[in-house]
Amino acid sequence: MALKKSQRSLKAWTKQKWRTKSGKKSSETGERYLPEKAIKSLSSREYADTTKKKREDTAKGKQHSKQPKKIAKKTRQYRKKS
């Protein structure tokens, strides 16, 4: 039986090593949760900027926080779809 698109996406996502830079839970630190390769591609300043945005949005009660456009463009290639 063929997998649905959402199931394929989840399967691809679980094969990637997603984490925070510190290795701690994002809910505890407020850090951005990204694939390991994406974290390595970002400079310390870029990671700090995206984490700052995440923390600001979390403080406002938002569940999801978009990354700054420049950083999103850079990390997009590391997020496999399906």
N, C-alpha and C. Protein backbone atom coordinates (compact mmCIF):
# COMPACT_ATOMS: atom_id res chain seq x y z
N MET A 1 0.84 -1.18 0.00
CA MET A 1 0.00 0.00 0.00
C MET A 1 0.89 1.25 0.00
N ALA A 2 0.60 2.16 -0.86
CA ALA A 2 1.38 3.39 -0.98
C ALA A 2 1.11 4.32 0.20
N LEU A 3 2.15 5.03 0.59
CA LEU A 3 2.00 5.98 1.69
C LEU A 3 1.39 7.28 1.18
N LYS A 4 0.60 7.91 2.05
CA LYS A 4 0.04 9.23 1.75
C LYS A 4 1.18 10.25 1.81
N LYS A 5 0.95 11.41 1.23
CA LYS A 5 1.98 12.46 1.20
C LYS A 5 2.45 12.82 2.61
N SER A 6 1.51 12.96 3.54
CA SER A 6 1.87 13.31 4.91
C SER A 6 2.70 12.22 5.57
N GLN A 7 2.42 10.97 5.23
CA GLN A 7 3.19 9.86 5.78
C GLN A 7 4.60 9.83 5.20
N ARG A 8 4.73 10.15 3.90
CA ARG A 8 6.06 10.20 3.27
C ARG A 8 6.89 11.32 3.88
N SER A 9 6.25 12.45 4.13
CA SER A 9 6.95 13.58 4.73
C SER A 9 7.45 13.22 6.12
N LEU A 10 6.60 12.57 6.90
CA LEU A 10 6.99 12.17 8.25
C LEU A 10 8.13 11.16 8.20
N LYS A 11 8.07 10.23 7.27
CA LYS A 11 9.12 9.23 7.13
C LYS A 11 10.45 9.89 6.79
N ALA A 12 10.44 10.85 5.85
CA ALA A 12 11.65 11.57 5.48
C ALA A 12 12.17 12.40 6.65
N TRP A 13 11.26 13.03 7.38
CA TRP A 13 11.64 13.87 8.51
C TRP A 13 12.32 13.06 9.60
N THR A 14 11.83 11.85 9.87
CA THR A 14 12.39 11.04 10.95
C THR A 14 13.76 10.49 10.59
N LYS A 15 14.10 10.43 9.30
CA LYS A 15 15.43 9.96 8.91
C LYS A 15 16.50 11.02 9.14
N GLN A 16 16.09 12.27 9.26
CA GLN A 16 17.03 13.36 9.51
C GLN A 16 17.30 13.48 11.00
N LYS A 17 18.46 14.00 11.34
CA LYS A 17 18.79 14.19 12.75
C LYS A 17 18.45 15.64 13.12
N TRP A 18 17.24 15.85 13.64
CA TRP A 18 16.78 17.17 14.05
C TRP A 18 17.16 17.39 15.50
N ARG A 19 17.62 18.61 15.82
CA ARG A 19 18.02 18.92 17.19
C ARG A 19 18.16 20.43 17.36
N THR A 20 18.51 20.82 18.57
CA THR A 20 18.88 22.21 18.82
C THR A 20 20.40 22.25 18.89
N LYS A 21 20.98 23.41 18.82
CA LYS A 21 22.44 23.52 18.84
C LYS A 21 23.01 23.03 20.17
N SER A 22 22.30 23.28 21.25
CA SER A 22 22.78 22.86 22.57
C SER A 22 22.51 21.39 22.85
N GLY A 23 21.58 20.79 22.10
CA GLY A 23 21.21 19.40 22.33
C GLY A 23 20.09 19.25 23.35
N LYS A 24 19.65 20.37 23.92
CA LYS A 24 18.56 20.34 24.89
C LYS A 24 17.23 20.54 24.18
N LYS A 25 16.14 20.32 24.88
CA LYS A 25 14.81 20.49 24.30
C LYS A 25 14.55 21.96 23.97
N SER A 26 13.94 22.18 22.82
CA SER A 26 13.60 23.53 22.39
C SER A 26 12.63 24.19 23.37
N SER A 27 11.73 23.39 23.93
CA SER A 27 10.75 23.93 24.88
C SER A 27 11.41 24.45 26.16
N GLU A 28 12.59 23.93 26.48
CA GLU A 28 13.32 24.37 27.68
C GLU A 28 14.20 25.58 27.40
N THR A 29 14.83 25.60 26.22
CA THR A 29 15.81 26.64 25.91
C THR A 29 15.27 27.74 25.01
N GLY A 30 14.21 27.44 24.26
CA GLY A 30 13.67 28.41 23.32
C GLY A 30 14.44 28.45 22.01
N GLU A 31 15.38 27.52 21.87
CA GLU A 31 16.19 27.48 20.65
C GLU A 31 15.38 26.96 19.46
N ARG A 32 15.88 27.27 18.28
CA ARG A 32 15.30 26.78 17.04
C ARG A 32 15.66 25.31 16.88
N TYR A 33 14.71 24.52 16.43
CA TYR A 33 14.86 23.09 16.20
C TYR A 33 15.05 22.89 14.69
N LEU A 34 16.23 22.41 14.29
CA LEU A 34 16.57 22.28 12.87
C LEU A 34 17.34 20.99 12.61
N PRO A 35 17.42 20.57 11.34
CA PRO A 35 18.28 19.44 11.03
C PRO A 35 19.73 19.78 11.38
N GLU A 36 20.47 18.78 11.80
CA GLU A 36 21.85 18.98 12.23
C GLU A 36 22.70 19.68 11.15
N LYS A 37 22.53 19.28 9.91
CA LYS A 37 23.30 19.90 8.82
C LYS A 37 22.95 21.37 8.65
N ALA A 38 21.71 21.73 8.89
CA ALA A 38 21.29 23.14 8.79
C ALA A 38 21.94 23.95 9.90
N ILE A 39 21.98 23.38 11.10
CA ILE A 39 22.62 24.09 12.22
C ILE A 39 24.09 24.34 11.91
N LYS A 40 24.77 23.33 11.36
CA LYS A 40 26.18 23.48 11.04
C LYS A 40 26.42 24.51 9.94
N SER A 41 25.44 24.71 9.07
CA SER A 41 25.61 25.67 7.97
C SER A 41 25.44 27.12 8.43
N LEU A 42 24.81 27.33 9.57
CA LEU A 42 24.55 28.68 10.07
C LEU A 42 25.73 29.18 10.90
N SER A 43 26.00 30.46 10.77
CA SER A 43 27.01 31.08 11.64
C SER A 43 26.40 31.22 13.03
N SER A 44 27.23 31.49 14.00
CA SER A 44 26.72 31.69 15.37
C SER A 44 25.73 32.84 15.41
N ARG A 45 26.00 33.89 14.65
CA ARG A 45 25.12 35.06 14.60
C ARG A 45 23.77 34.71 13.98
N GLU A 46 23.78 33.94 12.89
CA GLU A 46 22.53 33.55 12.23
C GLU A 46 21.69 32.67 13.16
N TYR A 47 22.34 31.74 13.83
CA TYR A 47 21.59 30.87 14.75
C TYR A 47 21.03 31.69 15.90
N ALA A 48 21.80 32.65 16.40
CA ALA A 48 21.32 33.53 17.47
C ALA A 48 20.12 34.35 17.01
N ASP A 49 20.16 34.83 15.77
CA ASP A 49 19.05 35.63 15.23
C ASP A 49 17.76 34.81 15.11
N THR A 50 17.88 33.58 14.59
CA THR A 50 16.68 32.75 14.42
C THR A 50 16.15 32.29 15.78
N THR A 51 17.04 32.05 16.73
CA THR A 51 16.62 31.67 18.07
C THR A 51 15.93 32.85 18.77
N LYS A 52 16.46 34.06 18.57
CA LYS A 52 15.84 35.26 19.15
C LYS A 52 14.41 35.41 18.65
N LYS A 53 14.22 35.23 17.33
CA LYS A 53 12.88 35.33 16.73
C LYS A 53 11.95 34.28 17.33
N LYS A 54 12.45 33.06 17.48
CA LYS A 54 11.65 31.97 18.05
C LYS A 54 11.23 32.32 19.48
N ARG A 55 12.15 32.81 20.26
CA ARG A 55 11.84 33.16 21.66
C ARG A 55 10.83 34.30 21.75
N GLU A 56 10.97 35.29 20.88
CA GLU A 56 10.03 36.41 20.86
C GLU A 56 8.62 35.93 20.53
N ASP A 57 8.51 35.09 19.51
CA ASP A 57 7.19 34.58 19.11
C ASP A 57 6.60 33.66 20.17
N THR A 58 7.42 32.88 20.81
CA THR A 58 6.95 32.00 21.89
C THR A 58 6.41 32.84 23.05
N ALA A 59 7.11 33.93 23.36
CA ALA A 59 6.68 34.82 24.44
C ALA A 59 5.33 35.47 24.13
N LYS A 60 5.05 35.65 22.83
CA LYS A 60 3.77 36.21 22.40
C LYS A 60 2.67 35.16 22.37
N GLY A 61 3.02 33.91 22.67
CA GLY A 61 2.03 32.84 22.71
C GLY A 61 1.87 32.11 21.39
N LYS A 62 2.74 32.38 20.43
CA LYS A 62 2.66 31.71 19.14
C LYS A 62 3.29 30.33 19.21
N GLN A 63 2.64 29.35 18.61
CA GLN A 63 3.18 27.99 18.59
C GLN A 63 4.25 27.85 17.50
N HIS A 64 4.01 28.50 16.37
CA HIS A 64 4.93 28.41 15.24
C HIS A 64 5.60 29.77 15.02
N SER A 65 6.87 29.72 14.66
CA SER A 65 7.63 30.94 14.44
C SER A 65 8.39 30.82 13.13
N LYS A 66 8.10 31.70 12.19
CA LYS A 66 8.84 31.68 10.93
C LYS A 66 10.25 32.19 11.16
N GLN A 67 11.18 31.62 10.42
CA GLN A 67 12.56 32.07 10.51
C GLN A 67 12.71 33.37 9.72
N PRO A 68 13.72 34.16 10.05
CA PRO A 68 14.02 35.31 9.21
C PRO A 68 14.26 34.83 7.77
N LYS A 69 13.82 35.59 6.77
CA LYS A 69 13.85 35.14 5.37
C LYS A 69 15.22 34.67 4.91
N LYS A 70 16.26 35.41 5.23
CA LYS A 70 17.61 35.05 4.80
C LYS A 70 18.03 33.69 5.36
N ILE A 71 17.69 33.44 6.61
CA ILE A 71 18.06 32.19 7.25
C ILE A 71 17.20 31.04 6.73
N ALA A 72 15.92 31.31 6.51
CA ALA A 72 15.02 30.28 5.98
C ALA A 72 15.50 29.82 4.61
N LYS A 73 15.95 30.76 3.79
CA LYS A 73 16.45 30.43 2.46
C LYS A 73 17.69 29.54 2.56
N LYS A 74 18.54 29.83 3.52
CA LYS A 74 19.78 29.07 3.69
C LYS A 74 19.52 27.66 4.22
N THR A 75 18.56 27.51 5.11
CA THR A 75 18.31 26.20 5.73
C THR A 75 17.32 25.34 4.95
N ARG A 76 16.62 25.92 3.99
CA ARG A 76 15.59 25.21 3.23
C ARG A 76 16.11 23.92 2.61
N GLN A 77 17.32 23.96 2.09
CA GLN A 77 17.88 22.80 1.40
C GLN A 77 18.13 21.61 2.32
N TYR A 78 18.18 21.83 3.61
CA TYR A 78 18.46 20.76 4.56
C TYR A 78 17.20 20.08 5.08
N ARG A 79 16.03 20.65 4.78
CA ARG A 79 14.76 20.07 5.22
C ARG A 79 14.20 19.24 4.07
N LYS A 80 14.36 17.94 4.15
CA LYS A 80 13.86 17.06 3.11
C LYS A 80 12.35 16.97 3.20
N LYS A 81 11.70 17.01 2.06
CA LYS A 81 10.24 16.89 2.04
C LYS A 81 9.84 15.42 2.02
N SER A 82 9.67 14.86 0.88
CA SER A 82 9.28 13.44 0.79
C SER A 82 10.00 12.75 -0.33
